[in-house]
Amino acid sequence: MNKLIRSEIVYYIIEDEMEGMLAVLNRDGEVVVKAQYFEKPVILKVFATDNEGIVVQKFDPDTWGFDD
């Protein structure tokens, strides 16, 4: 959890609970979540890596095809 909180994820408002996100990240090594970035909706793909720690990629939800 400390690595997740110290990552750039703190710049986003995540719709999911951090504990649930962490559980999926620990189990699968990556998680995709809906978030807000300065009131703009975004999709985040978060990876747990050995050498870079937590990596966050931001996507436009209109190009992602993320279903509700």
PDB file of N, CA and C in Angstrom:
ATOM      1  N   MET A   1       0.828  -1.185   0.000  1.00  0.00           N
ATOM      2  CA  MET A   1       0.000   0.000   0.000  1.00  0.00           C
ATOM      3  C   MET A   1       0.875   1.252   0.000  1.00  0.00           C
ATOM      4  N   ASN A   2       1.990   1.215   0.725  1.00  0.00           N
ATOM      5  CA  ASN A   2       2.874   2.388   0.771  1.00  0.00           C
ATOM      6  C   ASN A   2       3.406   2.750  -0.608  1.00  0.00           C
ATOM      7  N   LYS A   3       3.805   1.748  -1.393  1.00  0.00           N
ATOM      8  CA  LYS A   3       4.306   2.018  -2.740  1.00  0.00           C
ATOM      9  C   LYS A   3       3.215   2.605  -3.615  1.00  0.00           C
ATOM     10  N   LEU A   4       2.007   2.118  -3.463  1.00  0.00           N
ATOM     11  CA  LEU A   4       0.881   2.628  -4.246  1.00  0.00           C
ATOM     12  C   LEU A   4       0.596   4.083  -3.883  1.00  0.00           C
ATOM     13  N   ILE A   5       0.600   4.384  -2.613  1.00  0.00           N
ATOM     14  CA  ILE A   5       0.327   5.750  -2.155  1.00  0.00           C
ATOM     15  C   ILE A   5       1.443   6.711  -2.558  1.00  0.00           C
ATOM     16  N   ARG A   6       2.675   6.226  -2.646  1.00  0.00           N
ATOM     17  CA  ARG A   6       3.797   7.085  -3.041  1.00  0.00           C
ATOM     18  C   ARG A   6       3.943   7.204  -4.552  1.00  0.00           C
ATOM     19  N   SER A   7       3.118   6.504  -5.315  1.00  0.00           N
ATOM     20  CA  SER A   7       3.201   6.573  -6.774  1.00  0.00           C
ATOM     21  C   SER A   7       2.432   7.795  -7.282  1.00  0.00           C
ATOM     22  N   GLU A   8       2.452   7.994  -8.582  1.00  0.00           N
ATOM     23  CA  GLU A   8       1.731   9.132  -9.163  1.00  0.00           C
ATOM     24  C   GLU A   8       0.215   8.946  -9.126  1.00  0.00           C
ATOM     25  N   ILE A   9      -0.259   7.850  -8.595  1.00  0.00           N
ATOM     26  CA  ILE A   9      -1.698   7.604  -8.476  1.00  0.00           C
ATOM     27  C   ILE A   9      -2.357   8.634  -7.555  1.00  0.00           C
ATOM     28  N   VAL A  10      -1.577   9.266  -6.698  1.00  0.00           N
ATOM     29  CA  VAL A  10      -2.132  10.262  -5.776  1.00  0.00           C
ATOM     30  C   VAL A  10      -2.669  11.489  -6.507  1.00  0.00           C
ATOM     31  N   TYR A  11      -2.319  11.663  -7.772  1.00  0.00           N
ATOM     32  CA  TYR A  11      -2.811  12.802  -8.550  1.00  0.00           C
ATOM     33  C   TYR A  11      -4.205  12.555  -9.113  1.00  0.00           C
ATOM     34  N   TYR A  12      -4.743  11.365  -8.910  1.00  0.00           N
ATOM     35  CA  TYR A  12      -6.033  10.986  -9.476  1.00  0.00           C
ATOM     36  C   TYR A  12      -7.042  10.691  -8.372  1.00  0.00           C
ATOM     37  N   ILE A  13      -8.312  10.890  -8.690  1.00  0.00           N
ATOM     38  CA  ILE A  13      -9.390  10.469  -7.804  1.00  0.00           C
ATOM     39  C   ILE A  13      -9.911   9.157  -8.355  1.00  0.00           C
ATOM     40  N   ILE A  14      -9.665   8.085  -7.641  1.00  0.00           N
ATOM     41  CA  ILE A  14     -10.013   6.741  -8.076  1.00  0.00           C
ATOM     42  C   ILE A  14     -11.437   6.426  -7.623  1.00  0.00           C
ATOM     43  N   GLU A  15     -12.240   5.832  -8.517  1.00  0.00           N
ATOM     44  CA  GLU A  15     -13.612   5.480  -8.168  1.00  0.00           C
ATOM     45  C   GLU A  15     -13.681   4.251  -7.265  1.00  0.00           C
ATOM     46  N   ASP A  16     -12.696   3.371  -7.325  1.00  0.00           N
ATOM     47  CA  ASP A  16     -12.689   2.142  -6.537  1.00  0.00           C
ATOM     48  C   ASP A  16     -11.969   2.346  -5.209  1.00  0.00           C
ATOM     49  N   GLU A  17     -12.220   1.435  -4.276  1.00  0.00           N
ATOM     50  CA  GLU A  17     -11.502   1.435  -2.995  1.00  0.00           C
ATOM     51  C   GLU A  17     -10.043   1.064  -3.236  1.00  0.00           C
ATOM     52  N   MET A  18      -9.133   1.732  -2.560  1.00  0.00           N
ATOM     53  CA  MET A  18      -7.704   1.450  -2.718  1.00  0.00           C
ATOM     54  C   MET A  18      -7.362   0.024  -2.279  1.00  0.00           C
ATOM     55  N   GLU A  19      -8.030  -0.485  -1.245  1.00  0.00           N
ATOM     56  CA  GLU A  19      -7.746  -1.834  -0.754  1.00  0.00           C
ATOM     57  C   GLU A  19      -8.101  -2.876  -1.817  1.00  0.00           C
ATOM     58  N   GLY A  20      -9.245  -2.698  -2.494  1.00  0.00           N
ATOM     59  CA  GLY A  20      -9.646  -3.617  -3.552  1.00  0.00           C
ATOM     60  C   GLY A  20      -8.703  -3.534  -4.738  1.00  0.00           C
ATOM     61  N   MET A  21      -8.315  -2.324  -5.074  1.00  0.00           N
ATOM     62  CA  MET A  21      -7.368  -2.115  -6.169  1.00  0.00           C
ATOM     63  C   MET A  21      -6.028  -2.785  -5.847  1.00  0.00           C
ATOM     64  N   LEU A  22      -5.583  -2.648  -4.608  1.00  0.00           N
ATOM     65  CA  LEU A  22      -4.326  -3.257  -4.181  1.00  0.00           C
ATOM     66  C   LEU A  22      -4.414  -4.783  -4.229  1.00  0.00           C
ATOM     67  N   ALA A  23      -5.554  -5.341  -3.848  1.00  0.00           N
ATOM     68  CA  ALA A  23      -5.729  -6.797  -3.876  1.00  0.00           C
ATOM     69  C   ALA A  23      -5.596  -7.328  -5.300  1.00  0.00           C
ATOM     70  N   VAL A  24      -6.221  -6.655  -6.274  1.00  0.00           N
ATOM     71  CA  VAL A  24      -6.124  -7.083  -7.673  1.00  0.00           C
ATOM     72  C   VAL A  24      -4.695  -6.877  -8.181  1.00  0.00           C
ATOM     73  N   LEU A  25      -4.086  -5.782  -7.820  1.00  0.00           N
ATOM     74  CA  LEU A  25      -2.709  -5.501  -8.232  1.00  0.00           C
ATOM     75  C   LEU A  25      -1.749  -6.569  -7.702  1.00  0.00           C
ATOM     76  N   ASN A  26      -1.920  -6.964  -6.454  1.00  0.00           N
ATOM     77  CA  ASN A  26      -1.077  -8.008  -5.870  1.00  0.00           C
ATOM     78  C   ASN A  26      -1.334  -9.365  -6.517  1.00  0.00           C
ATOM     79  N   ARG A  27      -2.577  -9.640  -6.876  1.00  0.00           N
ATOM     80  CA  ARG A  27      -2.925 -10.934  -7.450  1.00  0.00           C
ATOM     81  C   ARG A  27      -2.515 -11.037  -8.911  1.00  0.00           C
ATOM     82  N   ASP A  28      -2.834  -9.985  -9.713  1.00  0.00           N
ATOM     83  CA  ASP A  28      -2.648 -10.043 -11.164  1.00  0.00           C
ATOM     84  C   ASP A  28      -1.444  -9.258 -11.682  1.00  0.00           C
ATOM     85  N   GLY A  29      -0.911  -8.361 -10.868  1.00  0.00           N
ATOM     86  CA  GLY A  29       0.214  -7.541 -11.311  1.00  0.00           C
ATOM     87  C   GLY A  29      -0.200  -6.293 -12.060  1.00  0.00           C
ATOM     88  N   GLU A  30      -1.496  -6.186 -12.364  1.00  0.00           N
ATOM     89  CA  GLU A  30      -2.008  -4.976 -13.015  1.00  0.00           C
ATOM     90  C   GLU A  30      -3.488  -4.846 -12.709  1.00  0.00           C
ATOM     91  N   VAL A  31      -3.971  -3.612 -12.813  1.00  0.00           N
ATOM     92  CA  VAL A  31      -5.383  -3.326 -12.584  1.00  0.00           C
ATOM     93  C   VAL A  31      -5.772  -2.139 -13.457  1.00  0.00           C
ATOM     94  N   VAL A  32      -7.009  -2.144 -13.935  1.00  0.00           N
ATOM     95  CA  VAL A  32      -7.554  -1.043 -14.730  1.00  0.00           C
ATOM     96  C   VAL A  32      -8.719  -0.450 -13.945  1.00  0.00           C
ATOM     97  N   VAL A  33      -8.684   0.885 -13.758  1.00  0.00           N
ATOM     98  CA  VAL A  33      -9.714   1.559 -12.972  1.00  0.00           C
ATOM     99  C   VAL A  33     -10.147   2.851 -13.643  1.00  0.00           C
ATOM    100  N   LYS A  34     -11.361   3.276 -13.310  1.00  0.00           N
ATOM    101  CA  LYS A  34     -11.854   4.588 -13.727  1.00  0.00           C
ATOM    102  C   LYS A  34     -11.392   5.606 -12.698  1.00  0.00           C
ATOM    103  N   ALA A  35     -11.067   6.805 -13.181  1.00  0.00           N
ATOM    104  CA  ALA A  35     -10.588   7.843 -12.276  1.00  0.00           C
ATOM    105  C   ALA A  35     -10.941   9.223 -12.834  1.00  0.00           C
ATOM    106  N   GLN A  36     -10.632  10.240 -12.055  1.00  0.00           N
ATOM    107  CA  GLN A  36     -10.776  11.638 -12.460  1.00  0.00           C
ATOM    108  C   GLN A  36      -9.409  12.295 -12.340  1.00  0.00           C
ATOM    109  N   TYR A  37      -9.100  13.143 -13.313  1.00  0.00           N
ATOM    110  CA  TYR A  37      -7.861  13.914 -13.292  1.00  0.00           C
ATOM    111  C   TYR A  37      -8.235  15.351 -13.585  1.00  0.00           C
ATOM    112  N   PHE A  38      -8.188  16.198 -12.580  1.00  0.00           N
ATOM    113  CA  PHE A  38      -8.645  17.581 -12.695  1.00  0.00           C
ATOM    114  C   PHE A  38     -10.037  17.637 -13.318  1.00  0.00           C
ATOM    115  N   GLU A  39     -10.958  16.864 -12.748  1.00  0.00           N
ATOM    116  CA  GLU A  39     -12.366  16.786 -13.129  1.00  0.00           C
ATOM    117  C   GLU A  39     -12.602  16.192 -14.519  1.00  0.00           C
ATOM    118  N   LYS A  40     -11.580  15.642 -15.138  1.00  0.00           N
ATOM    119  CA  LYS A  40     -11.712  14.981 -16.436  1.00  0.00           C
ATOM    120  C   LYS A  40     -11.675  13.468 -16.215  1.00  0.00           C
ATOM    121  N   PRO A  41     -12.651  12.728 -16.759  1.00  0.00           N
ATOM    122  CA  PRO A  41     -12.616  11.274 -16.593  1.00  0.00           C
ATOM    123  C   PRO A  41     -11.461  10.647 -17.371  1.00  0.00           C
ATOM    124  N   VAL A  42     -10.791   9.702 -16.746  1.00  0.00           N
ATOM    125  CA  VAL A  42      -9.686   8.975 -17.375  1.00  0.00           C
ATOM    126  C   VAL A  42      -9.777   7.503 -16.976  1.00  0.00           C
ATOM    127  N   ILE A  43      -9.082   6.667 -17.722  1.00  0.00           N
ATOM    128  CA  ILE A  43      -8.902   5.269 -17.381  1.00  0.00           C
ATOM    129  C   ILE A  43      -7.432   5.095 -17.030  1.00  0.00           C
ATOM    130  N   LEU A  44      -7.166   4.448 -15.915  1.00  0.00           N
ATOM    131  CA  LEU A  44      -5.792   4.199 -15.489  1.00  0.00           C
ATOM    132  C   LEU A  44      -5.488   2.712 -15.548  1.00  0.00           C
ATOM    133  N   LYS A  45      -4.341   2.391 -16.091  1.00  0.00           N
ATOM    134  CA  LYS A  45      -3.823   1.033 -16.041  1.00  0.00           C
ATOM    135  C   LYS A  45      -2.603   1.100 -15.128  1.00  0.00           C
ATOM    136  N   VAL A  46      -2.650   0.362 -14.034  1.00  0.00           N
ATOM    137  CA  VAL A  46      -1.614   0.419 -13.019  1.00  0.00           C
ATOM    138  C   VAL A  46      -0.891  -0.931 -12.987  1.00  0.00           C
ATOM    139  N   PHE A  47       0.426  -0.898 -13.072  1.00  0.00           N
ATOM    140  CA  PHE A  47       1.265  -2.095 -13.072  1.00  0.00           C
ATOM    141  C   PHE A  47       2.151  -2.109 -11.837  1.00  0.00           C
ATOM    142  N   ALA A  48       2.380  -3.281 -11.286  1.00  0.00           N
ATOM    143  CA  ALA A  48       3.382  -3.459 -10.239  1.00  0.00           C
ATOM    144  C   ALA A  48       4.583  -4.133 -10.896  1.00  0.00           C
ATOM    145  N   THR A  49       5.725  -3.444 -10.911  1.00  0.00           N
ATOM    146  CA  THR A  49       6.920  -3.980 -11.561  1.00  0.00           C
ATOM    147  C   THR A  49       8.032  -4.167 -10.539  1.00  0.00           C
ATOM    148  N   ASP A  50       8.956  -5.051 -10.859  1.00  0.00           N
ATOM    149  CA  ASP A  50      10.088  -5.283  -9.967  1.00  0.00           C
ATOM    150  C   ASP A  50      11.089  -4.135  -9.992  1.00  0.00           C
ATOM    151  N   ASN A  51      11.365  -3.620 -11.195  1.00  0.00           N
ATOM    152  CA  ASN A  51      12.428  -2.629 -11.315  1.00  0.00           C
ATOM    153  C   ASN A  51      11.950  -1.180 -11.247  1.00  0.00           C
ATOM    154  N   GLU A  52      10.703  -0.894 -11.640  1.00  0.00           N
ATOM    155  CA  GLU A  52      10.218   0.486 -11.643  1.00  0.00           C
ATOM    156  C   GLU A  52       9.194   0.768 -10.554  1.00  0.00           C
ATOM    157  N   GLY A  53       8.825  -0.231  -9.791  1.00  0.00           N
ATOM    158  CA  GLY A  53       7.793  -0.045  -8.764  1.00  0.00           C
ATOM    159  C   GLY A  53       6.420   0.024  -9.398  1.00  0.00           C
ATOM    160  N   ILE A  54       5.617   0.975  -8.968  1.00  0.00           N
ATOM    161  CA  ILE A  54       4.262   1.153  -9.499  1.00  0.00           C
ATOM    162  C   ILE A  54       4.331   2.052 -10.726  1.00  0.00           C
ATOM    163  N   VAL A  55       3.763   1.581 -11.836  1.00  0.00           N
ATOM    164  CA  VAL A  55       3.718   2.347 -13.082  1.00  0.00           C
ATOM    165  C   VAL A  55       2.256   2.628 -13.399  1.00  0.00           C
ATOM    166  N   VAL A  56       1.937   3.894 -13.719  1.00  0.00           N
ATOM    167  CA  VAL A  56       0.574   4.299 -14.025  1.00  0.00           C
ATOM    168  C   VAL A  56       0.517   4.823 -15.452  1.00  0.00           C
ATOM    169  N   GLN A  57      -0.385   4.253 -16.254  1.00  0.00           N
ATOM    170  CA  GLN A  57      -0.622   4.740 -17.611  1.00  0.00           C
ATOM    171  C   GLN A  57      -2.028   5.316 -17.666  1.00  0.00           C
ATOM    172  N   LYS A  58      -2.173   6.490 -18.279  1.00  0.00           N
ATOM    173  CA  LYS A  58      -3.459   7.181 -18.366  1.00  0.00           C
ATOM    174  C   LYS A  58      -3.999   7.078 -19.782  1.00  0.00           C
ATOM    175  N   PHE A  59      -5.315   6.791 -19.898  1.00  0.00           N
ATOM    176  CA  PHE A  59      -5.969   6.680 -21.192  1.00  0.00           C
ATOM    177  C   PHE A  59      -7.246   7.514 -21.207  1.00  0.00           C
ATOM    178  N   ASP A  60      -7.617   7.973 -22.383  1.00  0.00           N
ATOM    179  CA  ASP A  60      -8.886   8.665 -22.588  1.00  0.00           C
ATOM    180  C   ASP A  60      -9.994   7.609 -22.623  1.00  0.00           C
ATOM    181  N   PRO A  61     -11.044   7.759 -21.809  1.00  0.00           N
ATOM    182  CA  PRO A  61     -12.085   6.738 -21.792  1.00  0.00           C
ATOM    183  C   PRO A  61     -12.826   6.596 -23.120  1.00  0.00           C
ATOM    184  N   ASP A  62     -12.847   7.640 -23.942  1.00  0.00           N
ATOM    185  CA  ASP A  62     -13.515   7.569 -25.246  1.00  0.00           C
ATOM    186  C   ASP A  62     -12.793   6.646 -26.204  1.00  0.00           C
ATOM    187  N   THR A  63     -11.495   6.486 -26.049  1.00  0.00           N
ATOM    188  CA  THR A  63     -10.722   5.612 -26.944  1.00  0.00           C
ATOM    189  C   THR A  63     -10.480   4.238 -26.328  1.00  0.00           C
ATOM    190  N   TRP A  64     -10.804   4.064 -25.059  1.00  0.00           N
ATOM    191  CA  TRP A  64     -10.531   2.819 -24.361  1.00  0.00           C
ATOM    192  C   TRP A  64     -11.592   1.765 -24.645  1.00  0.00           C
ATOM    193  N   GLY A  65     -12.860   2.154 -24.719  1.00  0.00           N
ATOM    194  CA  GLY A  65     -13.942   1.187 -24.883  1.00  0.00           C
ATOM    195  C   GLY A  65     -14.292   0.502 -23.587  1.00  0.00           C
ATOM    196  N   PHE A  66     -14.207   1.219 -22.483  1.00  0.00           N
ATOM    197  CA  PHE A  66     -14.479   0.702 -21.150  1.00  0.00           C
ATOM    198  C   PHE A  66     -15.977   0.713 -20.924  1.00  0.00           C
ATOM    199  N   ASP A  67     -16.581  -0.434 -20.673  1.00  0.00           N
ATOM    200  CA  ASP A  67     -18.029  -0.523 -20.466  1.00  0.00           C
ATOM    201  C   ASP A  67     -18.367  -0.302 -19.016  1.00  0.00           C
ATOM    202  N   ASP A  68     -19.532   0.329 -18.769  1.00  0.00           N
ATOM    203  CA  ASP A  68     -20.005   0.544 -17.383  1.00  0.00           C
ATOM    204  C   ASP A  68     -20.593  -0.688 -16.810  1.00  0.00           C
TER     205      ASP A  68
END
